[in-house]
Amino acid sequence: MAGYCSQTLNGIGVSCDALIGGVSAVYIANRNDVEGVTMEDTISAITMAEGTKFSVYLHRRNAAVSMSSDKSGDEAIGTHVITTNISLVFAGLDTDKRKEVDALARGQFVVIVKDKNGKYWMPIVPPNDDYMSASAANASTGAATSEANGYTLTLTGEASHFPIEVDATAMAELINEL
C-alpha cells in the first residue's frame, strides 16, 4: 500500500546466553583525532591521527556507569533521532581527576563503551555523526559518611542510529592503557 514506510524485518529470537548489564570501561578520543571509520554492519576499523589513541576511563565495581540510548522524533515531519547518554562516575575528589573531568566537560569526543559482556559500542560514528560532549558534570563530597565522594559526568550525543558494535580486533591498536 502506498504512503507507508516499509522496513525489512527478520525477527529477533530468544537469547539463552547469560548476559549481564553494566559497563567495563569507557574509551574516549578527541573528535579531531578520529579520521575515519570503516563500517558495514559493525565497525571493523578506526583510523586515528598519527600519534593519537583512545584514553581509557575505568571505575569501581558496581559504580553507576552506564550507556543508554533513546529514540525521539516527530512522526509528522519525519524526524528520527537517537540520543545516547554515557554516565561516568569517578570515586574520590583529587587534583588529577579534577583536571581530567574539567577537560571532559569542555571537549568534543568520540566514545567507545565496553559492556560487561565484552562487546564494544560506538554511539556516535564519524564522519556522519557529530560528536559527544558533556551535558552534565558534578563534583561532590557527599553529605553523610556513606555517600559518594567524587565526580559524575554525562556525555551526550545524537545520531540517526543506535550504538554500533565495534569489532574487538579493531580496538587493539587504539587504546592508551593506564
Foldseek 3Di string as FASTA:
>chain_A
DPDDDDDDDDDDDDDPDDDDWFFAKKWKDFPVQFDAFDDDQFTEATHGDPPAFTEIDGADPPDPWHKDWDWDDDPVVDDIKIKIKTKDWHAADDDVQVVVVVDQQPGWIWMWTQTPVRWIWTAAHPDQFGTKGWPDKDADCDDDPPDTGGMMTMIMGMDRDGTGIYPPVNRPVRYDYD
